[in-house]
Amino acid sequence: MIDIHFIVNPIAGSGHHSFSEPFLQDYFEADKYNITIKSSGYKGHAIDLTMESIRQQAHIIVACGGDGTINEVASALVGTNIPLGIIPVGSGNGLACNLKIPKNIKKALYIIKNNHSTTIDVGGVNQRYFFSNLGFGFTANVIENYEALQKRTLVCYIKATLKSFQQFSNKEEIIISIDDNIEVVNPFLIFVSNSNVMGYNMSLTPKASLKDGLLDVIIVPRISKLKMLFFGFCMFIKKPEILKEVKCYQTKKMKLSRKQGAYFESQIDGEISKINDVTLSISIKKESLSVLI
């Protein structure tokens, strides 16, 4: 028997989805599969549920939600031999898009059933993992406004972006160390990516790969409102480097340090996160997560 545990975020996306046992048994025969369904109830709950499933010796653990839910489930699976399954019922679904996992639930369930896995790289920032991307400055401000709207739709994402455009002001310098290069910037944004898709099929790092052992980094210094608009257009056409102020890097590790303040306001895989450290060590763990594709 194959034990499959489904970790479900019941309010992901529109919340109009059901992962009941009768529904799943239509796809997974009772004489071959043991199905367990667990619903997360708060931020971080999916990590605890996944750790419990690991102790229960699940053969496959499936994250049913958006990038935030996937981050929590996958974080507990890094370094194990238990494959992650993904049913993308969230809003952005950046990692699923990169892995070509369809939004159609039926098709995604057949990927789980086929049980074909691959290994991908994992990003790390201090004691946290990220699988798609990590952002500071404007990108974190957008996610903060997006979460405040309480609805996860493309229209709300656009509203959050426009609000951030109107209010964004960053006057704090950050020391950035990439390989042997050190620079001090007052950033419009710093974006570190393991994936070539952010969500909603948008991208700041279209050439990034989940399998190359490298992080793709975009640094944009403080720029005028007019150049912010132009940068938004460059991002829309997936060519951010057109803006001459943009600096692009590929690296295995980097550090960020603040000159002032006791924490970093960031977004990790599309979820706002306050990191209570003055120095961040960011690195890549090559081929550390098994994923069903």
Protein backbone atom coordinates (compact mmCIF):
# COMPACT_ATOMS: atom_id res chain seq x y z
CA MET A 1 0.00 0.00 0.00
CA ILE A 2 1.13 3.52 -0.79
CA ASP A 3 0.42 6.11 1.92
CA ILE A 4 -0.33 9.55 0.48
CA HIS A 5 -0.91 12.49 2.81
CA PHE A 6 -2.63 15.61 1.48
CA ILE A 7 -1.88 18.85 3.37
CA VAL A 8 -4.69 21.22 2.35
CA ASN A 9 -4.99 24.96 2.78
CA PRO A 10 -8.80 25.30 2.75
CA ILE A 11 -8.76 29.02 1.93
CA ALA A 12 -6.10 28.95 -0.82
CA GLY A 13 -7.06 30.80 -3.97
CA SER A 14 -10.83 31.26 -4.04
CA GLY A 15 -11.32 28.52 -1.46
CA HIS A 16 -13.71 26.79 -3.86
CA HIS A 17 -12.09 23.37 -3.82
CA SER A 18 -12.67 20.12 -2.01
CA PHE A 19 -10.23 17.35 -1.18
CA SER A 20 -12.58 14.96 0.57
CA GLU A 21 -11.74 11.27 0.86
CA PRO A 22 -14.58 10.19 -1.52
CA PHE A 23 -13.30 12.68 -4.10
CA LEU A 24 -9.72 11.43 -3.89
CA GLN A 25 -10.72 7.75 -3.90
CA ASP A 26 -12.04 8.29 -7.43
CA TYR A 27 -8.38 8.71 -8.43
CA PHE A 28 -6.58 6.50 -5.90
CA GLU A 29 -7.95 2.96 -5.57
CA ALA A 30 -8.62 1.90 -1.99
CA ASP A 31 -6.84 -1.44 -2.44
CA LYS A 32 -3.59 0.31 -3.50
CA TYR A 33 -3.54 3.62 -1.65
CA ASN A 34 -4.10 4.85 1.89
CA ILE A 35 -5.29 8.46 1.75
CA THR A 36 -4.90 10.88 4.66
CA ILE A 37 -6.21 14.46 4.48
CA LYS A 38 -5.06 17.22 6.83
CA SER A 39 -6.24 20.85 6.76
CA SER A 40 -4.03 23.73 7.87
CA GLY A 41 -5.66 26.33 10.06
CA TYR A 42 -3.06 29.07 10.46
CA LYS A 43 0.31 30.30 9.20
CA GLY A 44 2.98 27.70 9.90
CA HIS A 45 0.47 24.92 10.61
CA ALA A 46 1.34 23.06 7.40
CA ILE A 47 4.92 22.64 8.67
CA ASP A 48 3.68 20.88 11.81
CA LEU A 49 1.26 18.73 9.81
CA THR A 50 4.04 17.70 7.42
CA MET A 51 6.40 16.81 10.27
CA GLU A 52 3.62 14.65 11.72
CA SER A 53 3.18 12.94 8.34
CA ILE A 54 6.91 12.25 8.17
CA ARG A 55 6.73 10.58 11.59
CA GLN A 56 3.75 8.58 10.32
CA GLN A 57 5.98 7.33 7.46
CA ALA A 58 3.97 8.75 4.57
CA HIS A 59 5.34 7.71 1.17
CA ILE A 60 4.19 10.90 -0.58
CA ILE A 61 3.17 14.26 0.92
CA VAL A 62 1.08 16.58 -1.22
CA ALA A 63 0.74 20.35 -0.73
CA CYS A 64 -2.69 21.58 -1.84
CA GLY A 65 -2.55 25.37 -1.92
CA GLY A 66 -0.47 28.25 -3.20
CA ASP A 67 3.22 29.08 -2.93
CA GLY A 68 2.94 29.81 0.80
CA THR A 69 1.48 26.38 1.56
CA ILE A 70 4.02 24.72 -0.74
CA ASN A 71 6.83 26.55 1.07
CA GLU A 72 5.69 25.23 4.46
CA VAL A 73 5.26 21.62 3.32
CA ALA A 74 8.45 21.60 1.25
CA SER A 75 10.50 23.17 4.07
CA ALA A 76 9.82 20.10 6.20
CA LEU A 77 10.74 17.75 3.33
CA VAL A 78 14.14 19.24 2.42
CA GLY A 79 16.82 16.58 2.77
CA THR A 80 14.35 13.70 3.14
CA ASN A 81 13.60 11.02 0.54
CA ILE A 82 9.85 11.73 0.65
CA PRO A 83 8.69 13.36 -2.60
CA LEU A 84 6.58 16.51 -2.61
CA GLY A 85 3.40 16.48 -4.66
CA ILE A 86 1.77 19.77 -5.65
CA ILE A 87 -1.88 20.56 -6.34
CA PRO A 88 -1.75 24.28 -7.24
CA VAL A 89 -5.00 25.82 -6.02
CA GLY A 90 -3.46 29.10 -4.89
CA SER A 91 -3.41 32.45 -6.64
CA GLY A 92 0.10 32.96 -8.06
CA ASN A 93 1.30 29.33 -8.22
CA GLY A 94 4.81 30.33 -9.27
CA LEU A 95 6.65 27.11 -8.41
CA ALA A 96 3.97 24.90 -9.96
CA CYS A 97 4.12 27.00 -13.13
CA ASN A 98 7.90 26.58 -13.33
CA LEU A 99 7.51 22.81 -12.86
CA LYS A 100 4.70 22.72 -15.47
CA ILE A 101 2.22 21.27 -12.98
CA PRO A 102 -1.25 22.13 -14.31
CA LYS A 103 -3.91 24.05 -12.39
CA ASN A 104 -6.43 21.46 -13.50
CA ILE A 105 -6.86 19.37 -10.33
CA LYS A 106 -7.58 16.14 -12.21
CA LYS A 107 -4.39 16.43 -14.27
CA ALA A 108 -2.36 17.38 -11.19
CA LEU A 109 -3.69 14.32 -9.32
CA TYR A 110 -2.57 12.05 -12.15
CA ILE A 111 0.95 13.46 -11.75
CA ILE A 112 0.81 12.35 -8.11
CA LYS A 113 -0.45 8.93 -9.15
CA ASN A 114 2.28 8.48 -11.78
CA ASN A 115 4.85 9.03 -9.01
CA HIS A 116 7.65 10.34 -11.26
CA SER A 117 10.07 12.51 -9.28
CA THR A 118 12.94 14.86 -9.90
CA THR A 119 15.21 16.78 -7.52
CA ILE A 120 15.40 20.57 -7.42
CA ASP A 121 17.61 23.16 -5.75
CA VAL A 122 16.47 24.94 -2.60
CA GLY A 123 17.27 28.48 -1.51
CA GLY A 124 18.08 29.29 2.11
CA VAL A 125 18.06 32.52 4.07
CA ASN A 126 19.40 32.11 7.62
CA GLN A 127 17.07 29.47 9.14
CA ARG A 128 14.39 29.63 6.42
CA TYR A 129 14.00 27.97 3.01
CA PHE A 130 12.61 29.43 -0.18
CA PHE A 131 11.79 27.54 -3.35
CA SER A 132 10.74 30.25 -5.80
CA ASN A 133 12.09 33.61 -4.63
CA LEU A 134 13.04 36.00 -1.88
CA GLY A 135 12.53 39.75 -2.13
CA PHE A 136 13.28 43.00 -0.31
CA GLY A 137 12.22 46.58 -0.87
CA PHE A 138 9.46 47.16 -3.38
CA THR A 139 8.61 43.47 -3.87
CA ALA A 140 8.12 43.00 -0.11
CA ASN A 141 5.99 46.14 0.04
CA VAL A 142 3.75 44.81 -2.75
CA ILE A 143 3.19 41.53 -0.89
CA GLU A 144 2.44 43.41 2.34
CA ASN A 145 -0.27 45.42 0.57
CA TYR A 146 -1.49 42.31 -1.25
CA GLU A 147 -1.99 40.38 1.99
CA ALA A 148 -3.85 43.35 3.51
CA LEU A 149 -6.48 43.09 0.76
CA GLN A 150 -7.30 39.55 2.00
CA LYS A 151 -8.28 38.33 -1.48
CA ARG A 152 -5.73 36.52 -3.63
CA THR A 153 -6.57 37.55 -7.18
CA LEU A 154 -4.65 39.13 -10.05
CA VAL A 155 -6.77 42.28 -9.74
CA CYS A 156 -5.80 42.58 -6.06
CA TYR A 157 -2.14 42.03 -6.96
CA ILE A 158 -2.33 44.90 -9.44
CA LYS A 159 -4.03 47.10 -6.82
CA ALA A 160 -1.29 46.25 -4.32
CA THR A 161 1.40 47.07 -6.88
CA LEU A 162 -0.17 50.47 -7.66
CA LYS A 163 -0.48 51.29 -3.96
CA SER A 164 3.17 50.36 -3.40
CA PHE A 165 4.16 52.52 -6.37
CA GLN A 166 2.39 55.51 -4.79
CA GLN A 167 3.75 55.05 -1.26
CA PHE A 168 7.15 53.38 -1.64
CA SER A 169 10.10 55.19 -0.16
CA ASN A 170 13.27 53.48 0.97
CA LYS A 171 16.07 55.50 2.54
CA GLU A 172 17.99 52.76 4.32
CA GLU A 173 21.31 51.54 3.02
CA ILE A 174 22.06 47.83 2.73
CA ILE A 175 25.51 46.29 2.37
CA ILE A 176 25.46 43.58 -0.29
CA SER A 177 28.23 41.00 -0.59
CA ILE A 178 28.11 38.72 -3.64
CA ASP A 179 31.14 36.46 -4.11
CA ASP A 180 34.01 38.91 -3.51
CA ASN A 181 32.11 42.04 -4.55
CA ILE A 182 30.81 44.37 -1.84
CA GLU A 183 28.61 47.38 -2.47
CA VAL A 184 26.37 49.66 -0.44
CA VAL A 185 23.02 50.49 -1.99
CA ASN A 186 19.79 52.22 -1.11
CA PRO A 187 17.69 49.69 -3.01
CA PHE A 188 14.42 50.04 -4.83
CA LEU A 189 14.44 46.26 -4.72
CA ILE A 190 16.63 43.23 -4.18
CA PHE A 191 15.27 40.02 -5.65
CA VAL A 192 16.85 36.59 -5.22
CA SER A 193 15.34 33.78 -7.27
CA ASN A 194 15.60 30.03 -7.64
CA SER A 195 12.77 29.92 -10.19
CA ASN A 196 11.97 31.60 -13.48
CA VAL A 197 8.37 32.48 -12.50
CA MET A 198 7.12 34.75 -9.70
CA GLY A 199 3.43 33.96 -10.02
CA TYR A 200 0.72 35.05 -12.46
CA ASN A 201 3.31 34.07 -15.09
CA MET A 202 5.41 37.17 -14.37
CA SER A 203 9.17 37.04 -14.02
CA LEU A 204 12.16 39.12 -12.94
CA THR A 205 14.55 36.23 -13.61
CA PRO A 206 13.37 34.47 -16.80
CA LYS A 207 16.65 32.55 -17.19
CA ALA A 208 16.68 31.12 -13.65
CA SER A 209 16.70 27.35 -13.25
CA LEU A 210 15.68 25.05 -10.40
CA LYS A 211 18.53 22.72 -11.30
CA ASP A 212 21.63 24.81 -12.02
CA GLY A 213 22.93 25.17 -8.45
CA LEU A 214 22.79 28.96 -8.73
CA LEU A 215 20.64 31.81 -7.46
CA ASP A 216 19.66 34.57 -9.89
CA VAL A 217 19.88 38.01 -8.28
CA ILE A 218 18.39 41.32 -9.43
CA ILE A 219 19.44 44.54 -7.70
CA VAL A 220 17.78 47.85 -8.57
CA PRO A 221 19.02 50.98 -6.74
CA ARG A 222 16.68 53.77 -5.76
CA ILE A 223 15.14 55.16 -8.94
CA SER A 224 12.61 57.82 -9.94
CA LYS A 225 8.86 57.13 -10.21
CA LEU A 226 9.15 57.37 -14.00
CA LYS A 227 11.85 54.72 -14.06
CA MET A 228 9.76 52.56 -11.69
CA LEU A 229 7.03 52.57 -14.33
CA PHE A 230 9.53 51.69 -17.04
CA PHE A 231 10.90 48.90 -14.87
CA GLY A 232 7.36 47.56 -14.48
CA PHE A 233 7.08 47.42 -18.27
CA CYS A 234 10.45 45.64 -18.50
CA MET A 235 9.25 43.09 -15.96
CA PHE A 236 6.02 42.58 -17.93
CA ILE A 237 7.99 41.68 -21.06
CA LYS A 238 10.42 39.62 -18.92
CA LYS A 239 13.45 41.76 -19.75
CA PRO A 240 14.29 43.68 -16.56
CA GLU A 241 17.88 44.18 -17.66
CA ILE A 242 16.73 46.78 -20.23
CA LEU A 243 16.74 49.35 -17.43
CA LYS A 244 20.39 50.41 -17.30
CA GLU A 245 20.46 50.72 -13.50
CA VAL A 246 19.60 47.04 -13.06
CA LYS A 247 22.40 44.73 -11.97
CA CYS A 248 22.06 40.98 -12.57
CA TYR A 249 24.11 38.25 -10.90
CA GLN A 250 24.27 34.50 -10.58
CA THR A 251 25.78 33.19 -7.37
CA LYS A 252 25.84 30.30 -4.92
CA LYS A 253 25.82 32.56 -1.87
CA MET A 254 25.52 36.18 -0.81
CA LYS A 255 25.09 38.29 2.31
CA LEU A 256 22.97 41.32 3.16
CA SER A 257 23.67 43.57 6.13
CA ARG A 258 21.75 46.58 7.40
CA LYS A 259 23.44 49.76 8.55
CA GLN A 260 20.36 50.60 10.62
CA GLY A 261 17.39 48.69 11.98
CA ALA A 262 17.09 45.34 13.69
CA TYR A 263 15.25 43.30 11.07
CA PHE A 264 14.64 42.79 7.35
CA GLU A 265 11.14 43.17 5.90
CA SER A 266 10.98 40.56 3.15
CA GLN A 267 8.72 38.39 1.09
CA ILE A 268 9.47 34.67 0.94
CA ASP A 269 7.66 32.74 -1.80
CA GLY A 270 4.91 35.36 -1.93
CA GLU A 271 4.35 35.63 1.85
CA ILE A 272 5.41 38.63 3.92
CA SER A 273 8.09 37.76 6.47
CA LYS A 274 9.96 39.82 9.06
CA ILE A 275 13.46 38.35 9.56
CA ASN A 276 14.84 39.44 12.92
CA ASP A 277 18.52 39.56 11.99
CA VAL A 278 20.82 42.39 10.96
CA THR A 279 22.79 40.11 8.62
CA LEU A 280 21.33 37.58 6.20
CA SER A 281 23.25 34.67 4.70
CA ILE A 282 21.59 33.54 1.49
CA SER A 283 22.69 30.36 -0.29
CA ILE A 284 21.60 27.46 -2.49
CA LYS A 285 21.29 23.79 -1.53
CA LYS A 286 21.68 21.84 -4.74
CA GLU A 287 19.18 19.06 -5.50
CA SER A 288 17.81 18.99 -1.94
CA LEU A 289 14.10 18.44 -2.58
CA SER A 290 12.34 15.62 -4.40
CA VAL A 291 9.26 16.77 -6.35
CA LEU A 292 6.69 14.86 -8.40
CA ILE A 293 6.39 16.21 -11.95
